[in-house]
Full PDB file with SEQRES, HELIX, SHEET, SSBOND, CRYST1, ORIGX, SCALE, CONECT and MASTER records, all heavy atoms in Angstrom:
SEQRES   1 A   38  ALA ARG MET HIS LEU GLY GLN LEU ARG LEU LEU ARG ALA          
SEQRES   2 A   38  PHE ASP ALA ARG GLU THR LEU GLY VAL ASP LEU SER LYS          
SEQRES   3 A   38  ALA TRP PHE THR GLY ARG ASN ASP SER LEU HIS VAL              
HELIX    1 AA1 ALA A   16  THR A   19  1                                   4    
HELIX    2 AA2 LEU A   24  LYS A   26  5                                   3    
SHEET    1 AA1 2 ARG A   2  HIS A   4  0                                        
SHEET    2 AA1 2 GLN A   7  ARG A   9 -1                                        
SHEET    1 AA2 2 THR A  30  ARG A  32  0                                        
SHEET    2 AA2 2 SER A  35  HIS A  37 -1                                        
CRYST1    1.000    1.000    1.000  90.00  90.00  90.00 P 1           1          
ORIGX1      1.000000  0.000000  0.000000        0.00000                         
ORIGX2      0.000000  1.000000  0.000000        0.00000                         
ORIGX3      0.000000  0.000000  1.000000        0.00000                         
SCALE1      1.000000  0.000000  0.000000        0.00000                         
SCALE2      0.000000  1.000000  0.000000        0.00000                         
SCALE3      0.000000  0.000000  1.000000        0.00000                         
ATOM      1  N   ALA A   1       5.001   3.899  -5.097  1.00  0.00           N  
ATOM      2  CA  ALA A   1       5.754   4.107  -6.336  1.00  0.00           C  
ATOM      3  C   ALA A   1       5.228   5.362  -7.057  1.00  0.00           C  
ATOM      4  O   ALA A   1       4.101   5.808  -6.823  1.00  0.00           O  
ATOM      5  CB  ALA A   1       5.642   2.907  -7.271  1.00  0.00           C  
ATOM      6  N   ARG A   2       6.093   5.895  -7.913  1.00  0.00           N  
ATOM      7  CA  ARG A   2       5.697   7.020  -8.777  1.00  0.00           C  
ATOM      8  C   ARG A   2       5.619   6.514 -10.237  1.00  0.00           C  
ATOM      9  O   ARG A   2       6.481   5.770 -10.667  1.00  0.00           O  
ATOM     10  CB  ARG A   2       6.714   8.150  -8.690  1.00  0.00           C  
ATOM     11  CG  ARG A   2       6.314   9.414  -9.516  1.00  0.00           C  
ATOM     12  CD  ARG A   2       7.419  10.434  -9.599  1.00  0.00           C  
ATOM     13  NE  ARG A   2       7.779  10.916  -8.264  1.00  0.00           N  
ATOM     14  CZ  ARG A   2       7.133  11.925  -7.649  1.00  0.00           C  
ATOM     15  NH1 ARG A   2       6.135  12.536  -8.268  1.00  0.00           N  
ATOM     16  NH2 ARG A   2       7.503  12.330  -6.462  1.00  0.00           N  
ATOM     17  N   MET A   3       4.589   6.917 -10.919  1.00  0.00           N  
ATOM     18  CA  MET A   3       4.412   6.576 -12.334  1.00  0.00           C  
ATOM     19  C   MET A   3       5.202   7.568 -13.175  1.00  0.00           C  
ATOM     20  O   MET A   3       4.976   8.791 -13.084  1.00  0.00           O  
ATOM     21  CB  MET A   3       2.948   6.635 -12.715  1.00  0.00           C  
ATOM     22  CG  MET A   3       2.087   5.574 -12.048  1.00  0.00           C  
ATOM     23  SD  MET A   3       0.318   5.763 -12.409  1.00  0.00           S  
ATOM     24  CE  MET A   3      -0.155   6.917 -11.086  1.00  0.00           C  
ATOM     25  N   HIS A   4       6.182   7.063 -13.893  1.00  0.00           N  
ATOM     26  CA  HIS A   4       7.064   7.961 -14.661  1.00  0.00           C  
ATOM     27  C   HIS A   4       7.563   7.264 -15.926  1.00  0.00           C  
ATOM     28  O   HIS A   4       8.181   6.194 -15.864  1.00  0.00           O  
ATOM     29  CB  HIS A   4       8.265   8.362 -13.793  1.00  0.00           C  
ATOM     30  CG  HIS A   4       9.183   9.333 -14.470  1.00  0.00           C  
ATOM     31  ND1 HIS A   4       8.878  10.645 -14.704  1.00  0.00           N  
ATOM     32  CD2 HIS A   4      10.451   9.165 -14.937  1.00  0.00           C  
ATOM     33  CE1 HIS A   4       9.862  11.243 -15.311  1.00  0.00           C  
ATOM     34  NE2 HIS A   4      10.850  10.387 -15.457  1.00  0.00           N  
ATOM     35  N   LEU A   5       7.266   7.839 -17.067  1.00  0.00           N  
ATOM     36  CA  LEU A   5       7.748   7.368 -18.352  1.00  0.00           C  
ATOM     37  C   LEU A   5       7.467   5.849 -18.585  1.00  0.00           C  
ATOM     38  O   LEU A   5       8.315   5.093 -19.008  1.00  0.00           O  
ATOM     39  CB  LEU A   5       9.234   7.640 -18.521  1.00  0.00           C  
ATOM     40  CG  LEU A   5       9.643   9.121 -18.499  1.00  0.00           C  
ATOM     41  CD1 LEU A   5      11.176   9.269 -18.599  1.00  0.00           C  
ATOM     42  CD2 LEU A   5       8.961   9.888 -19.600  1.00  0.00           C  
ATOM     43  N   GLY A   6       6.243   5.455 -18.237  1.00  0.00           N  
ATOM     44  CA  GLY A   6       5.818   4.093 -18.480  1.00  0.00           C  
ATOM     45  C   GLY A   6       6.341   3.065 -17.510  1.00  0.00           C  
ATOM     46  O   GLY A   6       6.161   1.867 -17.722  1.00  0.00           O  
ATOM     47  N   GLN A   7       6.945   3.549 -16.390  1.00  0.00           N  
ATOM     48  CA  GLN A   7       7.501   2.622 -15.384  1.00  0.00           C  
ATOM     49  C   GLN A   7       7.040   3.067 -13.994  1.00  0.00           C  
ATOM     50  O   GLN A   7       6.749   4.259 -13.769  1.00  0.00           O  
ATOM     51  CB  GLN A   7       8.986   2.596 -15.439  1.00  0.00           C  
ATOM     52  CG  GLN A   7       9.592   1.928 -16.680  1.00  0.00           C  
ATOM     53  CD  GLN A   7      11.105   1.889 -16.623  1.00  0.00           C  
ATOM     54  OE1 GLN A   7      11.732   2.779 -16.134  1.00  0.00           O  
ATOM     55  NE2 GLN A   7      11.664   0.792 -17.056  1.00  0.00           N  
ATOM     56  N   LEU A   8       6.993   2.112 -13.092  1.00  0.00           N  
ATOM     57  CA  LEU A   8       6.808   2.418 -11.644  1.00  0.00           C  
ATOM     58  C   LEU A   8       8.180   2.546 -11.009  1.00  0.00           C  
ATOM     59  O   LEU A   8       8.998   1.600 -11.080  1.00  0.00           O  
ATOM     60  CB  LEU A   8       5.992   1.328 -10.971  1.00  0.00           C  
ATOM     61  CG  LEU A   8       4.518   1.218 -11.359  1.00  0.00           C  
ATOM     62  CD1 LEU A   8       3.875   0.099 -10.570  1.00  0.00           C  
ATOM     63  CD2 LEU A   8       3.780   2.532 -11.148  1.00  0.00           C  
ATOM     64  N   ARG A   9       8.441   3.652 -10.372  1.00  0.00           N  
ATOM     65  CA  ARG A   9       9.686   3.880  -9.739  1.00  0.00           C  
ATOM     66  C   ARG A   9       9.495   3.917  -8.211  1.00  0.00           C  
ATOM     67  O   ARG A   9       8.642   4.668  -7.698  1.00  0.00           O  
ATOM     68  CB  ARG A   9      10.330   5.209 -10.203  1.00  0.00           C  
ATOM     69  CG  ARG A   9      10.641   5.155 -11.697  1.00  0.00           C  
ATOM     70  CD  ARG A   9      11.501   6.317 -12.125  1.00  0.00           C  
ATOM     71  NE  ARG A   9      11.882   6.195 -13.503  1.00  0.00           N  
ATOM     72  CZ  ARG A   9      12.646   7.070 -14.162  1.00  0.00           C  
ATOM     73  NH1 ARG A   9      13.109   8.144 -13.510  1.00  0.00           N  
ATOM     74  NH2 ARG A   9      12.982   6.887 -15.417  1.00  0.00           N  
ATOM     75  N   LEU A  10      10.278   3.120  -7.523  1.00  0.00           N  
ATOM     76  CA  LEU A  10      10.132   2.956  -6.075  1.00  0.00           C  
ATOM     77  C   LEU A  10      10.424   4.250  -5.323  1.00  0.00           C  
ATOM     78  O   LEU A  10      11.451   4.873  -5.546  1.00  0.00           O  
ATOM     79  CB  LEU A  10      11.033   1.820  -5.558  1.00  0.00           C  
ATOM     80  CG  LEU A  10      10.992   1.573  -4.034  1.00  0.00           C  
ATOM     81  CD1 LEU A  10       9.657   1.049  -3.644  1.00  0.00           C  
ATOM     82  CD2 LEU A  10      12.128   0.590  -3.645  1.00  0.00           C  
ATOM     83  N   LEU A  11       9.501   4.625  -4.433  1.00  0.00           N  
ATOM     84  CA  LEU A  11       9.753   5.715  -3.495  1.00  0.00           C  
ATOM     85  C   LEU A  11      10.098   5.156  -2.127  1.00  0.00           C  
ATOM     86  O   LEU A  11      11.063   5.585  -1.500  1.00  0.00           O  
ATOM     87  CB  LEU A  11       8.539   6.626  -3.413  1.00  0.00           C  
ATOM     88  CG  LEU A  11       8.188   7.412  -4.688  1.00  0.00           C  
ATOM     89  CD1 LEU A  11       6.978   8.293  -4.450  1.00  0.00           C  
ATOM     90  CD2 LEU A  11       9.380   8.312  -5.098  1.00  0.00           C  
ATOM     91  N   ARG A  12       9.280   4.182  -1.646  1.00  0.00           N  
ATOM     92  CA  ARG A  12       9.571   3.591  -0.370  1.00  0.00           C  
ATOM     93  C   ARG A  12       8.648   2.399  -0.151  1.00  0.00           C  
ATOM     94  O   ARG A  12       7.548   2.388  -0.666  1.00  0.00           O  
ATOM     95  CB  ARG A  12       9.322   4.601   0.789  1.00  0.00           C  
ATOM     96  CG  ARG A  12       9.770   4.131   2.167  1.00  0.00           C  
ATOM     97  CD  ARG A  12       9.711   5.262   3.159  1.00  0.00           C  
ATOM     98  NE  ARG A  12       9.834   4.770   4.538  1.00  0.00           N  
ATOM     99  CZ  ARG A  12       9.743   5.500   5.607  1.00  0.00           C  
ATOM    100  NH1 ARG A  12       9.523   6.831   5.475  1.00  0.00           N  
ATOM    101  NH2 ARG A  12       9.886   4.995   6.804  1.00  0.00           N  
ATOM    102  N   ALA A  13       9.108   1.413   0.575  1.00  0.00           N  
ATOM    103  CA  ALA A  13       8.312   0.277   0.958  1.00  0.00           C  
ATOM    104  C   ALA A  13       8.007   0.317   2.456  1.00  0.00           C  
ATOM    105  O   ALA A  13       8.869   0.741   3.258  1.00  0.00           O  
ATOM    106  CB  ALA A  13       9.017  -1.052   0.590  1.00  0.00           C  
ATOM    107  N   PHE A  14       6.822  -0.099   2.836  1.00  0.00           N  
ATOM    108  CA  PHE A  14       6.413  -0.103   4.225  1.00  0.00           C  
ATOM    109  C   PHE A  14       5.891  -1.468   4.612  1.00  0.00           C  
ATOM    110  O   PHE A  14       5.571  -2.287   3.734  1.00  0.00           O  
ATOM    111  CB  PHE A  14       5.266   0.924   4.453  1.00  0.00           C  
ATOM    112  CG  PHE A  14       5.570   2.317   4.006  1.00  0.00           C  
ATOM    113  CD1 PHE A  14       5.316   2.737   2.710  1.00  0.00           C  
ATOM    114  CD2 PHE A  14       6.090   3.243   4.905  1.00  0.00           C  
ATOM    115  CE1 PHE A  14       5.577   4.041   2.320  1.00  0.00           C  
ATOM    116  CE2 PHE A  14       6.373   4.545   4.514  1.00  0.00           C  
ATOM    117  CZ  PHE A  14       6.103   4.927   3.213  1.00  0.00           C  
ATOM    118  N   ASP A  15       5.810  -1.720   5.891  1.00  0.00           N  
ATOM    119  CA  ASP A  15       5.186  -2.938   6.421  1.00  0.00           C  
ATOM    120  C   ASP A  15       3.894  -2.495   7.132  1.00  0.00           C  
ATOM    121  O   ASP A  15       3.905  -1.646   8.034  1.00  0.00           O  
ATOM    122  CB  ASP A  15       6.129  -3.641   7.418  1.00  0.00           C  
ATOM    123  CG  ASP A  15       5.581  -5.002   7.873  1.00  0.00           C  
ATOM    124  OD1 ASP A  15       4.504  -5.036   8.477  1.00  0.00           O  
ATOM    125  OD2 ASP A  15       6.245  -6.008   7.577  1.00  0.00           O  
ATOM    126  N   ALA A  16       2.746  -3.062   6.731  1.00  0.00           N  
ATOM    127  CA  ALA A  16       1.465  -2.659   7.269  1.00  0.00           C  
ATOM    128  C   ALA A  16       1.388  -2.849   8.753  1.00  0.00           C  
ATOM    129  O   ALA A  16       0.739  -2.074   9.473  1.00  0.00           O  
ATOM    130  CB  ALA A  16       0.349  -3.415   6.581  1.00  0.00           C  
ATOM    131  N   ARG A  17       2.065  -3.883   9.307  1.00  0.00           N  
ATOM    132  CA  ARG A  17       2.018  -4.151  10.739  1.00  0.00           C  
ATOM    133  C   ARG A  17       2.686  -3.038  11.511  1.00  0.00           C  
ATOM    134  O   ARG A  17       2.259  -2.635  12.597  1.00  0.00           O  
ATOM    135  CB  ARG A  17       2.649  -5.515  11.038  1.00  0.00           C  
ATOM    136  CG  ARG A  17       1.872  -6.693  10.511  1.00  0.00           C  
ATOM    137  CD  ARG A  17       2.714  -7.931  10.410  1.00  0.00           C  
ATOM    138  NE  ARG A  17       3.790  -7.779   9.469  1.00  0.00           N  
ATOM    139  CZ  ARG A  17       4.529  -8.815   9.034  1.00  0.00           C  
ATOM    140  NH1 ARG A  17       4.309 -10.024   9.518  1.00  0.00           N  
ATOM    141  NH2 ARG A  17       5.510  -8.622   8.158  1.00  0.00           N  
ATOM    142  N   GLU A  18       3.807  -2.494  10.950  1.00  0.00           N  
ATOM    143  CA  GLU A  18       4.547  -1.457  11.629  1.00  0.00           C  
ATOM    144  C   GLU A  18       3.932  -0.071  11.389  1.00  0.00           C  
ATOM    145  O   GLU A  18       3.837   0.756  12.297  1.00  0.00           O  
ATOM    146  CB  GLU A  18       6.005  -1.472  11.161  1.00  0.00           C  
ATOM    147  CG  GLU A  18       6.724  -2.753  11.456  1.00  0.00           C  
ATOM    148  CD  GLU A  18       8.104  -2.794  10.810  1.00  0.00           C  
ATOM    149  OE1 GLU A  18       8.460  -1.796  10.125  1.00  0.00           O  
ATOM    150  OE2 GLU A  18       8.845  -3.803  10.979  1.00  0.00           O  
ATOM    151  N   THR A  19       3.486   0.171  10.136  1.00  0.00           N  
ATOM    152  CA  THR A  19       3.013   1.504   9.750  1.00  0.00           C  
ATOM    153  C   THR A  19       1.568   1.747  10.211  1.00  0.00           C  
ATOM    154  O   THR A  19       1.240   2.850  10.638  1.00  0.00           O  
ATOM    155  CB  THR A  19       3.101   1.673   8.236  1.00  0.00           C  
ATOM    156  OG1 THR A  19       4.422   1.332   7.835  1.00  0.00           O  
ATOM    157  CG2 THR A  19       2.775   3.092   7.837  1.00  0.00           C  
ATOM    158  N   LEU A  20       0.695   0.710  10.083  1.00  0.00           N  
ATOM    159  CA  LEU A  20      -0.704   0.899  10.340  1.00  0.00           C  
ATOM    160  C   LEU A  20      -1.219   0.125  11.566  1.00  0.00           C  
ATOM    161  O   LEU A  20      -2.329   0.344  12.012  1.00  0.00           O  
ATOM    162  CB  LEU A  20      -1.524   0.444   9.121  1.00  0.00           C  
ATOM    163  CG  LEU A  20      -1.173   1.137   7.779  1.00  0.00           C  
ATOM    164  CD1 LEU A  20      -2.018   0.538   6.647  1.00  0.00           C  
ATOM    165  CD2 LEU A  20      -1.379   2.622   7.895  1.00  0.00           C  
ATOM    166  N   GLY A  21      -0.373  -0.751  12.067  1.00  0.00           N  
ATOM    167  CA  GLY A  21      -0.801  -1.589  13.218  1.00  0.00           C  
ATOM    168  C   GLY A  21      -1.783  -2.646  12.895  1.00  0.00           C  
ATOM    169  O   GLY A  21      -2.541  -3.102  13.751  1.00  0.00           O  
ATOM    170  N   VAL A  22      -1.838  -3.092  11.608  1.00  0.00           N  
ATOM    171  CA  VAL A  22      -2.750  -4.160  11.210  1.00  0.00           C  
ATOM    172  C   VAL A  22      -1.947  -5.219  10.459  1.00  0.00           C  
ATOM    173  O   VAL A  22      -0.923  -4.955   9.844  1.00  0.00           O  
ATOM    174  CB  VAL A  22      -3.865  -3.614  10.273  1.00  0.00           C  
ATOM    175  CG1 VAL A  22      -4.728  -2.596  11.007  1.00  0.00           C  
ATOM    176  CG2 VAL A  22      -3.310  -2.991   9.016  1.00  0.00           C  
ATOM    177  N   ASP A  23      -2.388  -6.450  10.581  1.00  0.00           N  
ATOM    178  CA  ASP A  23      -1.827  -7.576   9.879  1.00  0.00           C  
ATOM    179  C   ASP A  23      -2.728  -7.923   8.696  1.00  0.00           C  
ATOM    180  O   ASP A  23      -3.841  -8.473   8.920  1.00  0.00           O  
ATOM    181  CB  ASP A  23      -1.626  -8.777  10.794  1.00  0.00           C  
ATOM    182  CG  ASP A  23      -0.955  -9.959  10.175  1.00  0.00           C  
ATOM    183  OD1 ASP A  23      -0.767  -9.945   8.907  1.00  0.00           O  
ATOM    184  OD2 ASP A  23      -0.544 -10.867  10.891  1.00  0.00           O  
ATOM    185  N   LEU A  24      -2.297  -7.610   7.508  1.00  0.00           N  
ATOM    186  CA  LEU A  24      -3.188  -7.785   6.341  1.00  0.00           C  
ATOM    187  C   LEU A  24      -3.424  -9.293   6.027  1.00  0.00           C  
ATOM    188  O   LEU A  24      -4.408  -9.597   5.326  1.00  0.00           O  
ATOM    189  CB  LEU A  24      -2.573  -7.107   5.110  1.00  0.00           C  
ATOM    190  CG  LEU A  24      -2.456  -5.601   5.190  1.00  0.00           C  
ATOM    191  CD1 LEU A  24      -1.900  -5.018   3.886  1.00  0.00           C  
ATOM    192  CD2 LEU A  24      -3.796  -4.943   5.512  1.00  0.00           C  
ATOM    193  N   SER A  25      -2.620 -10.165   6.590  1.00  0.00           N  
ATOM    194  CA  SER A  25      -2.883 -11.584   6.389  1.00  0.00           C  
ATOM    195  C   SER A  25      -4.094 -12.081   7.187  1.00  0.00           C  
ATOM    196  O   SER A  25      -4.613 -13.157   6.931  1.00  0.00           O  
ATOM    197  CB  SER A  25      -1.649 -12.412   6.743  1.00  0.00           C  
ATOM    198  OG  SER A  25      -1.398 -12.360   8.156  1.00  0.00           O  
ATOM    199  N   LYS A  26      -4.526 -11.258   8.133  1.00  0.00           N  
ATOM    200  CA  LYS A  26      -5.702 -11.611   8.984  1.00  0.00           C  
ATOM    201  C   LYS A  26      -6.848 -10.641   8.822  1.00  0.00           C  
ATOM    202  O   LYS A  26      -7.822 -10.670   9.614  1.00  0.00           O  
ATOM    203  CB  LYS A  26      -5.252 -11.652  10.460  1.00  0.00           C  
ATOM    204  CG  LYS A  26      -4.172 -12.661  10.727  1.00  0.00           C  
ATOM    205  CD  LYS A  26      -3.705 -12.587  12.170  1.00  0.00           C  
ATOM    206  CE  LYS A  26      -2.567 -13.583  12.429  1.00  0.00           C  
ATOM    207  NZ  LYS A  26      -2.100 -13.503  13.879  1.00  0.00           N  
ATOM    208  N   ALA A  27      -6.765  -9.735   7.840  1.00  0.00           N  
ATOM    209  CA  ALA A  27      -7.771  -8.698   7.682  1.00  0.00           C  
ATOM    210  C   ALA A  27      -8.345  -8.711   6.256  1.00  0.00           C  
ATOM    211  O   ALA A  27      -7.779  -9.315   5.355  1.00  0.00           O  
ATOM    212  CB  ALA A  27      -7.170  -7.324   7.981  1.00  0.00           C  
ATOM    213  N   TRP A  28      -9.497  -8.037   6.128  1.00  0.00           N  
ATOM    214  CA  TRP A  28     -10.032  -7.774   4.782  1.00  0.00           C  
ATOM    215  C   TRP A  28      -9.566  -6.420   4.351  1.00  0.00           C  
ATOM    216  O   TRP A  28      -9.538  -5.456   5.123  1.00  0.00           O  
ATOM    217  CB  TRP A  28     -11.588  -7.801   4.830  1.00  0.00           C  
ATOM    218  CG  TRP A  28     -12.178  -7.459   3.495  1.00  0.00           C  
ATOM    219  CD1 TRP A  28     -12.518  -8.288   2.488  1.00  0.00           C  
ATOM    220  CD2 TRP A  28     -12.524  -6.115   3.022  1.00  0.00           C  
ATOM    221  NE1 TRP A  28     -13.040  -7.596   1.402  1.00  0.00           N  
ATOM    222  CE2 TRP A  28     -13.046  -6.255   1.723  1.00  0.00           C  
ATOM    223  CE3 TRP A  28     -12.445  -4.866   3.601  1.00  0.00           C  
ATOM    224  CZ2 TRP A  28     -13.492  -5.158   0.986  1.00  0.00           C  
ATOM    225  CZ3 TRP A  28     -12.846  -3.760   2.862  1.00  0.00           C  
ATOM    226  CH2 TRP A  28     -13.387  -3.946   1.562  1.00  0.00           C  
ATOM    227  N   PHE A  29      -9.173  -6.306   3.053  1.00  0.00           N  
ATOM    228  CA  PHE A  29      -8.718  -4.986   2.560  1.00  0.00           C  
ATOM    229  C   PHE A  29      -8.981  -4.850   1.070  1.00  0.00           C  
ATOM    230  O   PHE A  29      -9.160  -5.831   0.344  1.00  0.00           O  
ATOM    231  CB  PHE A  29      -7.243  -4.773   2.872  1.00  0.00           C  
ATOM    232  CG  PHE A  29      -6.319  -5.756   2.214  1.00  0.00           C  
ATOM    233  CD1 PHE A  29      -5.801  -5.576   0.942  1.00  0.00           C  
ATOM    234  CD2 PHE A  29      -5.929  -6.928   2.884  1.00  0.00           C  
ATOM    235  CE1 PHE A  29      -4.963  -6.499   0.348  1.00  0.00           C  
ATOM    236  CE2 PHE A  29      -5.118  -7.846   2.332  1.00  0.00           C  
ATOM    237  CZ  PHE A  29      -4.612  -7.663   1.027  1.00  0.00           C  
ATOM    238  N   THR A  30      -9.060  -3.630   0.613  1.00  0.00           N  
ATOM    239  CA  THR A  30      -9.210  -3.319  -0.764  1.00  0.00           C  
ATOM    240  C   THR A  30      -8.676  -1.913  -1.065  1.00  0.00           C  
ATOM    241  O   THR A  30      -8.503  -1.108  -0.120  1.00  0.00           O  
ATOM    242  CB  THR A  30     -10.719  -3.380  -1.209  1.00  0.00           C  
ATOM    243  OG1 THR A  30     -10.812  -3.335  -2.609  1.00  0.00           O  
ATOM    244  CG2 THR A  30     -11.506  -2.220  -0.627  1.00  0.00           C  
ATOM    245  N   GLY A  31      -8.384  -1.619  -2.310  1.00  0.00           N  
ATOM    246  CA  GLY A  31      -8.062  -0.266  -2.710  1.00  0.00           C  
ATOM    247  C   GLY A  31      -9.221   0.326  -3.460  1.00  0.00           C  
ATOM    248  O   GLY A  31      -9.819  -0.339  -4.300  1.00  0.00           O  
ATOM    249  N   ARG A  32      -9.591   1.555  -3.099  1.00  0.00           N  
ATOM    250  CA  ARG A  32     -10.692   2.236  -3.799  1.00  0.00           C  
ATOM    251  C   ARG A  32     -10.324   3.712  -3.971  1.00  0.00           C  
ATOM    252  O   ARG A  32      -9.989   4.359  -2.960  1.00  0.00           O  
ATOM    253  CB  ARG A  32     -12.012   2.062  -3.038  1.00  0.00           C  
ATOM    254  CG  ARG A  32     -13.275   2.143  -3.952  1.00  0.00           C  
ATOM    255  CD  ARG A  32     -13.383   0.894  -4.828  1.00  0.00           C  
ATOM    256  NE  ARG A  32     -14.295   1.050  -5.938  1.00  0.00           N  
ATOM    257  CZ  ARG A  32     -15.544   0.537  -5.993  1.00  0.00           C  
ATOM    258  NH1 ARG A  32     -16.006  -0.150  -4.977  1.00  0.00           N  
ATOM    259  NH2 ARG A  32     -16.296   0.735  -7.063  1.00  0.00           N  
ATOM    260  N   ASN A  33     -10.348   4.185  -5.184  1.00  0.00           N  
ATOM    261  CA  ASN A  33      -9.910   5.530  -5.498  1.00  0.00           C  
ATOM    262  C   ASN A  33      -8.493   5.724  -5.002  1.00  0.00           C  
ATOM    263  O   ASN A  33      -7.578   4.977  -5.363  1.00  0.00           O  
ATOM    264  CB  ASN A  33     -10.907   6.565  -4.958  1.00  0.00           C  
ATOM    265  CG  ASN A  33     -12.224   6.544  -5.684  1.00  0.00           C  
ATOM    266  OD1 ASN A  33     -12.306   6.738  -6.882  1.00  0.00           O  
ATOM    267  ND2 ASN A  33     -13.296   6.267  -4.955  1.00  0.00           N  
ATOM    268  N   ASP A  34      -8.312   6.733  -4.086  1.00  0.00           N  
ATOM    269  CA  ASP A  34      -6.947   7.098  -3.641  1.00  0.00           C  
ATOM    270  C   ASP A  34      -6.634   6.572  -2.254  1.00  0.00           C  
ATOM    271  O   ASP A  34      -5.739   7.085  -1.592  1.00  0.00           O  
ATOM    272  CB  ASP A  34      -6.781   8.616  -3.672  1.00  0.00           C  
ATOM    273  CG  ASP A  34      -7.724   9.336  -2.710  1.00  0.00           C  
ATOM    274  OD1 ASP A  34      -8.612   8.661  -2.153  1.00  0.00           O  
ATOM    275  OD2 ASP A  34      -7.592  10.540  -2.557  1.00  0.00           O  
ATOM    276  N   SER A  35      -7.351   5.509  -1.804  1.00  0.00           N  
ATOM    277  CA  SER A  35      -7.148   5.049  -0.431  1.00  0.00           C  
ATOM    278  C   SER A  35      -7.115   3.527  -0.324  1.00  0.00           C  
ATOM    279  O   SER A  35      -7.754   2.803  -1.122  1.00  0.00           O  
ATOM    280  CB  SER A  35      -8.278   5.581   0.483  1.00  0.00           C  
ATOM    281  OG  SER A  35      -8.250   6.982   0.567  1.00  0.00           O  
ATOM    282  N   LEU A  36      -6.391   3.064   0.675  1.00  0.00           N  
ATOM    283  CA  LEU A  36      -6.389   1.666   1.093  1.00  0.00           C  
ATOM    284  C   LEU A  36      -7.409   1.559   2.248  1.00  0.00           C  
ATOM    285  O   LEU A  36      -7.370   2.339   3.218  1.00  0.00           O  
ATOM    286  CB  LEU A  36      -5.023   1.237   1.580  1.00  0.00           C  
ATOM    287  CG  LEU A  36      -4.939  -0.090   2.352  1.00  0.00           C  
ATOM    288  CD1 LEU A  36      -5.290  -1.254   1.470  1.00  0.00           C  
ATOM    289  CD2 LEU A  36      -3.555  -0.273   2.958  1.00  0.00           C  
ATOM    290  N   HIS A  37      -8.342   0.606   2.121  1.00  0.00           N  
ATOM    291  CA  HIS A  37      -9.334   0.346   3.166  1.00  0.00           C  
ATOM    292  C   HIS A  37      -9.094  -1.003   3.789  1.00  0.00           C  
ATOM    293  O   HIS A  37      -8.917  -2.007   3.069  1.00  0.00           O  
ATOM    294  CB  HIS A  37     -10.748   0.408   2.554  1.00  0.00           C  
ATOM    295  CG  HIS A  37     -11.128   1.756   2.015  1.00  0.00           C  
ATOM    296  ND1 HIS A  37     -11.779   2.709   2.789  1.00  0.00           N  
ATOM    297  CD2 HIS A  37     -10.921   2.314   0.785  1.00  0.00           C  
ATOM    298  CE1 HIS A  37     -11.987   3.766   2.029  1.00  0.00           C  
ATOM    299  NE2 HIS A  37     -11.491   3.584   0.819  1.00  0.00           N  
ATOM    300  N   VAL A  38      -9.102  -1.019   5.118  1.00  0.00           N  
ATOM    301  CA  VAL A  38      -8.832  -2.257   5.853  1.00  0.00           C  
ATOM    302  C   VAL A  38      -9.903  -2.457   6.933  1.00  0.00           C  
ATOM    303  O   VAL A  38     -10.191  -1.509   7.690  1.00  0.00           O  
ATOM    304  CB  VAL A  38      -7.444  -2.225   6.533  1.00  0.00           C  
ATOM    305  CG1 VAL A  38      -7.187  -3.558   7.231  1.00  0.00           C  
ATOM    306  CG2 VAL A  38      -6.335  -1.941   5.514  1.00  0.00           C  
TER     307      VAL A  38                                                      
MASTER        0    0    0    2    4    0    0    6  306    1    0    3          
END                                                                             
């Protein structure tokens, strides 16, 4: 999403299994700074 005028505006949605090849329901993950860590 893009932050704009106090709202989040959708750019695109992805599926982690298709985009990254990982299943987040079976993995550990966190967001830190500007990255997703899995």
